[in-house]
Amino acid sequence: MTKLIEIKGVSHSYKTAAGPLPVLKDLSLSIAEGDFCAVVGPSGCGKSTLTRLIAGLMFPDSGEVLLHGEQVKSPRKSVGMAFQNPVLLEWRTILQNVILPLEIVAPRMPKEQKEERARALLAMVGLQGFEGKRPSELSGGMRQRASLCRSLVHKPDILILDEPFGALDAFTREDLWQLMHQLRIDEPFTALLITHDLRESVYLADQVVVLSGRPATTQFVLDIDVPGPRPIDMLYSMQAVEWLAQLRNQIEIAQGRGGEKDMTA
């Protein structure tokens, strides 16, 4: 399959009063077009830094970030992003919040066409009838659904998800996991998910990448060869239990707490 995202030997440090703080070191990974990749690792190992590099919001000290074979040198319109905090604007309705990216990347698109696209997405995620509501009138799960619509409204090639379900209760989180599988069918995209939830990574991803402790590099890659959409009870299968055990072992290694290092999946 065509590689849509390629990270080649990327290293990056932050400037601090005490000197450079290395966050990523010689990190490499690739994501094929249409794939869903989850990235897990210890807290503070540079997972969110990786998303900013892919989105073109910052640039590596060394190495290359390529999208469609072209080096990322500026923010990319072809990237959609959703975060743990939906950051919806209270002075705008849900429909207006979803339309916002189109106002930026497609200012000449007729208003009616923008609204039609946004309404279709809101209906797809079960928010039909809530278009005129303000963010404060919706539950946390509903706000996150609206945020997902906003990240997809301009039909991005790449969807970056930075712990978007982390603050939700377990039932709402699993409901949105299932929604993500349906969105992959209805709105095809290539995804990079940052998460601390190993069950989430196994349920959603085609590939799970474990980053080492800081400065992070690619420590382990696990392929999840289960076609989607996946039933939620797949997480209770013997295969899923084995995958989760492998990932837990790798996280312990990344945290310096032992485990048996195994670079194959």
Protein backbone atom coordinates (compact mmCIF):
# COMPACT_ATOMS: atom_id res chain seq x y z
CA MET A 1 0.00 0.00 0.00
CA THR A 2 1.05 3.60 -0.61
CA LYS A 3 2.77 5.22 2.36
CA LEU A 4 0.87 8.39 3.19
CA ILE A 5 2.86 9.40 6.29
CA GLU A 6 6.59 8.76 6.61
CA ILE A 7 8.69 9.77 9.62
CA LYS A 8 12.36 9.29 8.82
CA GLY A 9 14.99 9.52 11.56
CA VAL A 10 13.30 12.43 13.32
CA SER A 11 14.92 14.02 16.37
CA HIS A 12 13.58 17.01 18.25
CA SER A 13 14.46 18.95 21.40
CA TYR A 14 12.80 21.80 23.30
CA LYS A 15 14.76 24.77 24.55
CA THR A 16 14.66 25.16 28.33
CA ALA A 17 16.47 27.33 30.85
CA ALA A 18 18.63 24.33 31.73
CA GLY A 19 19.47 23.66 28.07
CA PRO A 20 18.01 21.49 25.30
CA LEU A 21 15.46 18.85 26.39
CA PRO A 22 15.59 15.94 23.89
CA VAL A 23 12.09 14.57 23.24
CA LEU A 24 12.40 12.49 20.06
CA LYS A 25 15.56 10.72 18.86
CA ASP A 26 15.97 9.07 15.46
CA LEU A 27 12.27 8.13 15.39
CA SER A 28 10.99 6.40 12.26
CA LEU A 29 7.57 5.05 11.32
CA SER A 30 5.28 4.93 8.31
CA ILE A 31 1.51 4.78 7.90
CA ALA A 32 -0.10 3.44 4.73
CA GLU A 33 -2.93 5.30 3.07
CA GLY A 34 -6.24 4.31 4.68
CA ASP A 35 -4.63 2.76 7.76
CA PHE A 36 -5.35 3.61 11.39
CA CYS A 37 -2.20 3.85 13.52
CA ALA A 38 -2.25 4.18 17.31
CA VAL A 39 0.80 5.50 19.17
CA VAL A 40 1.26 4.63 22.84
CA GLY A 41 4.10 5.16 25.28
CA PRO A 42 5.05 6.61 28.67
CA SER A 43 3.69 10.02 29.66
CA GLY A 44 5.85 12.84 28.38
CA CYS A 45 7.66 10.73 25.78
CA GLY A 46 6.80 13.05 22.88
CA LYS A 47 3.58 11.61 21.45
CA SER A 48 1.88 15.01 21.09
CA THR A 49 5.10 16.47 19.67
CA LEU A 50 4.85 13.85 16.93
CA THR A 51 1.34 15.02 15.99
CA ARG A 52 2.49 18.65 15.72
CA LEU A 53 5.35 17.63 13.44
CA ILE A 54 2.98 15.74 11.13
CA ALA A 55 0.52 18.64 11.06
CA GLY A 56 3.31 21.08 10.16
CA LEU A 57 2.82 23.12 13.33
CA MET A 58 6.48 22.61 14.22
CA PHE A 59 9.52 21.15 12.52
CA PRO A 60 12.14 18.57 13.58
CA ASP A 61 15.73 19.40 14.45
CA SER A 62 16.80 16.61 12.12
CA GLY A 63 15.17 13.95 9.98
CA GLU A 64 12.16 14.26 7.68
CA VAL A 65 8.37 14.23 7.94
CA LEU A 66 6.77 13.35 4.60
CA LEU A 67 3.11 13.40 3.54
CA HIS A 68 2.37 11.95 0.11
CA GLY A 69 6.14 11.82 -0.39
CA GLU A 70 6.56 15.58 0.12
CA GLN A 71 8.44 17.06 3.07
CA VAL A 72 6.24 18.95 5.52
CA LYS A 73 7.45 22.55 5.63
CA SER A 74 4.26 24.38 6.65
CA PRO A 75 0.83 23.70 8.22
CA ARG A 76 -1.18 21.33 6.05
CA LYS A 77 -4.82 21.88 5.10
CA SER A 78 -5.10 18.15 4.40
CA VAL A 79 -4.83 17.37 8.13
CA GLY A 80 -7.79 17.29 10.54
CA MET A 81 -7.26 17.28 14.30
CA ALA A 82 -9.36 16.37 17.33
CA PHE A 83 -8.23 16.67 20.95
CA GLN A 84 -9.24 15.52 24.44
CA ASN A 85 -10.83 18.94 24.98
CA PRO A 86 -13.19 19.59 22.04
CA VAL A 87 -12.52 23.38 22.26
CA LEU A 88 -15.85 24.33 20.73
CA LEU A 89 -16.61 28.05 20.59
CA GLU A 90 -19.51 28.87 22.93
CA TRP A 91 -20.59 31.92 20.93
CA ARG A 92 -21.16 29.72 17.86
CA THR A 93 -23.82 27.09 17.39
CA ILE A 94 -22.81 23.46 16.86
CA LEU A 95 -23.41 23.85 13.12
CA GLN A 96 -21.27 26.99 13.03
CA ASN A 97 -18.52 25.25 14.99
CA VAL A 98 -18.44 22.35 12.54
CA ILE A 99 -18.33 24.71 9.54
CA LEU A 100 -15.35 26.67 10.93
CA PRO A 101 -12.58 24.74 9.07
CA LEU A 102 -14.39 25.28 5.76
CA GLU A 103 -14.41 29.03 6.41
CA ILE A 104 -10.61 28.83 6.65
CA VAL A 105 -9.66 26.34 3.92
CA ALA A 106 -12.55 26.92 1.48
CA PRO A 107 -13.69 30.54 1.96
CA ARG A 108 -15.26 30.69 -1.51
CA MET A 109 -17.47 27.65 -0.99
CA PRO A 110 -21.14 28.77 -0.92
CA LYS A 111 -22.61 28.96 2.58
CA GLU A 112 -25.39 26.56 1.64
CA GLN A 113 -22.84 23.96 0.53
CA LYS A 114 -20.87 24.34 3.77
CA GLU A 115 -24.02 23.88 5.84
CA GLU A 116 -25.09 20.87 3.79
CA ARG A 117 -21.73 19.18 4.39
CA ALA A 118 -21.81 19.94 8.12
CA ARG A 119 -25.41 18.80 8.55
CA ALA A 120 -24.65 15.51 6.80
CA LEU A 121 -21.78 14.80 9.20
CA LEU A 122 -23.81 15.75 12.27
CA ALA A 123 -26.57 13.40 11.16
CA MET A 124 -23.97 10.67 10.63
CA VAL A 125 -22.83 10.90 14.28
CA GLY A 126 -26.34 11.13 15.74
CA LEU A 127 -26.51 14.90 16.27
CA GLN A 128 -29.27 15.70 13.82
CA GLY A 129 -31.57 18.22 15.51
CA PHE A 130 -28.78 19.70 17.65
CA GLU A 131 -27.33 21.98 14.96
CA GLY A 132 -28.66 25.15 16.62
CA LYS A 133 -27.53 24.27 20.15
CA ARG A 134 -24.58 25.88 21.94
CA PRO A 135 -21.70 23.64 23.15
CA SER A 136 -22.71 24.10 26.81
CA GLU A 137 -26.11 22.55 26.02
CA LEU A 138 -24.53 19.24 24.96
CA SER A 139 -23.05 16.40 27.00
CA GLY A 140 -19.33 15.65 26.88
CA GLY A 141 -19.85 12.78 24.47
CA MET A 142 -22.02 14.91 22.19
CA ARG A 143 -19.43 17.69 22.16
CA GLN A 144 -16.76 15.18 21.17
CA ARG A 145 -18.98 13.94 18.33
CA ALA A 146 -19.30 17.53 17.13
CA SER A 147 -15.52 17.91 17.39
CA LEU A 148 -15.04 14.84 15.21
CA CYS A 149 -17.40 16.34 12.64
CA ARG A 150 -15.39 19.56 12.67
CA SER A 151 -12.14 17.65 12.11
CA LEU A 152 -13.65 15.80 9.12
CA VAL A 153 -15.75 18.53 7.49
CA HIS A 154 -13.05 19.59 5.01
CA LYS A 155 -12.40 15.95 4.01
CA PRO A 156 -8.80 15.71 5.26
CA ASP A 157 -6.46 13.00 4.04
CA ILE A 158 -5.12 12.58 7.56
CA LEU A 159 -7.01 12.64 10.85
CA ILE A 160 -4.92 13.21 13.98
CA LEU A 161 -6.62 12.19 17.22
CA ASP A 162 -4.81 13.33 20.37
CA GLU A 163 -6.52 11.43 23.21
CA PRO A 164 -10.00 12.56 22.09
CA PHE A 165 -11.85 10.03 24.26
CA GLY A 166 -9.68 10.20 27.38
CA ALA A 167 -12.00 12.41 29.47
CA LEU A 168 -15.19 10.45 28.73
CA ASP A 169 -16.87 7.76 30.83
CA ALA A 170 -16.31 4.14 29.82
CA PHE A 171 -19.68 3.61 28.12
CA THR A 172 -19.48 6.83 26.10
CA ARG A 173 -15.90 6.04 25.15
CA GLU A 174 -16.81 2.60 23.80
CA ASP A 175 -19.75 4.09 21.92
CA LEU A 176 -17.41 6.55 20.20
CA TRP A 177 -14.90 3.80 19.43
CA GLN A 178 -17.63 2.02 17.47
CA LEU A 179 -18.54 5.29 15.78
CA MET A 180 -14.93 5.67 14.59
CA HIS A 181 -15.14 2.35 12.75
CA GLN A 182 -18.30 3.51 10.99
CA LEU A 183 -16.74 6.87 10.11
CA ARG A 184 -13.83 5.05 8.45
CA ILE A 185 -16.36 3.47 6.11
CA ASP A 186 -18.47 6.58 5.47
CA GLU A 187 -15.62 9.16 5.47
CA PRO A 188 -12.39 7.33 4.50
CA PHE A 189 -9.26 8.78 6.10
CA THR A 190 -5.81 7.83 7.32
CA ALA A 191 -5.58 8.20 11.11
CA LEU A 192 -2.95 8.68 13.79
CA LEU A 193 -4.30 8.18 17.31
CA ILE A 194 -2.40 9.21 20.44
CA THR A 195 -3.72 7.33 23.45
CA HIS A 196 -2.84 5.98 26.89
CA ASP A 197 -5.61 3.36 26.64
CA LEU A 198 -4.21 0.07 25.33
CA ARG A 199 -7.71 -1.37 24.83
CA GLU A 200 -8.55 1.64 22.68
CA SER A 201 -5.45 1.12 20.57
CA VAL A 202 -6.18 -2.57 19.99
CA TYR A 203 -9.85 -1.96 19.18
CA LEU A 204 -9.34 0.93 16.76
CA ALA A 205 -5.94 0.49 15.11
CA ASP A 206 -4.48 -1.56 12.31
CA GLN A 207 -1.04 -0.88 13.76
CA VAL A 208 0.05 0.03 17.30
CA VAL A 209 3.41 1.76 17.72
CA VAL A 210 5.03 1.81 21.17
CA LEU A 211 7.43 4.67 21.77
CA SER A 212 10.33 4.30 24.17
CA GLY A 213 10.96 6.59 27.12
CA ARG A 214 12.22 10.10 26.39
CA PRO A 215 13.97 10.82 24.10
CA ALA A 216 11.53 8.59 22.27
CA THR A 217 12.21 6.30 19.37
CA THR A 218 10.13 3.51 17.82
CA GLN A 219 10.47 0.62 20.27
CA PHE A 220 7.87 -1.88 19.08
CA VAL A 221 5.25 -2.24 16.34
CA LEU A 222 2.20 -4.50 16.66
CA ASP A 223 -0.04 -5.29 13.68
CA ILE A 224 -3.73 -5.86 14.48
CA ASP A 225 -4.98 -8.06 11.66
CA VAL A 226 -8.71 -7.82 12.36
CA PRO A 227 -10.88 -6.26 9.65
CA GLY A 228 -13.33 -3.55 10.67
CA PRO A 229 -15.84 -2.66 11.77
CA ARG A 230 -15.05 -4.68 14.88
CA PRO A 231 -17.52 -5.86 17.53
CA ILE A 232 -16.69 -4.50 20.97
CA ASP A 233 -16.49 -8.04 22.37
CA MET A 234 -13.41 -8.65 20.21
CA LEU A 235 -11.55 -7.06 23.14
CA TYR A 236 -12.38 -10.16 25.20
CA SER A 237 -11.00 -12.65 22.67
CA MET A 238 -7.85 -14.65 23.45
CA GLN A 239 -6.02 -12.88 20.63
CA ALA A 240 -6.85 -9.44 22.02
CA VAL A 241 -5.75 -10.52 25.50
CA GLU A 242 -2.41 -11.65 24.04
CA TRP A 243 -1.98 -8.35 22.16
CA LEU A 244 -2.73 -6.37 25.31
CA ALA A 245 -0.20 -8.42 27.28
CA GLN A 246 2.45 -7.71 24.64
CA LEU A 247 1.73 -3.98 24.75
CA ARG A 248 1.76 -3.85 28.56
CA ASN A 249 5.12 -5.60 28.54
CA GLN A 250 6.48 -3.06 26.07
CA ILE A 251 5.18 -0.12 28.11
CA GLU A 252 6.95 -1.53 31.17
CA ILE A 253 10.17 -1.71 29.16
CA ALA A 254 9.68 1.89 28.00
CA GLN A 255 9.18 2.96 31.60
CA GLY A 256 12.34 1.14 32.66
CA ARG A 257 10.41 -1.35 34.80
CA GLY A 258 11.68 -4.55 33.21
CA GLY A 259 9.79 -6.87 30.89
CA GLU A 260 11.22 -8.95 28.08
CA LYS A 261 12.23 -6.89 25.08
CA ASP A 262 10.78 -8.35 21.89
CA MET A 263 11.00 -6.30 18.70
CA THR A 264 8.63 -8.50 16.71
CA ALA A 265 4.87 -8.91 16.82
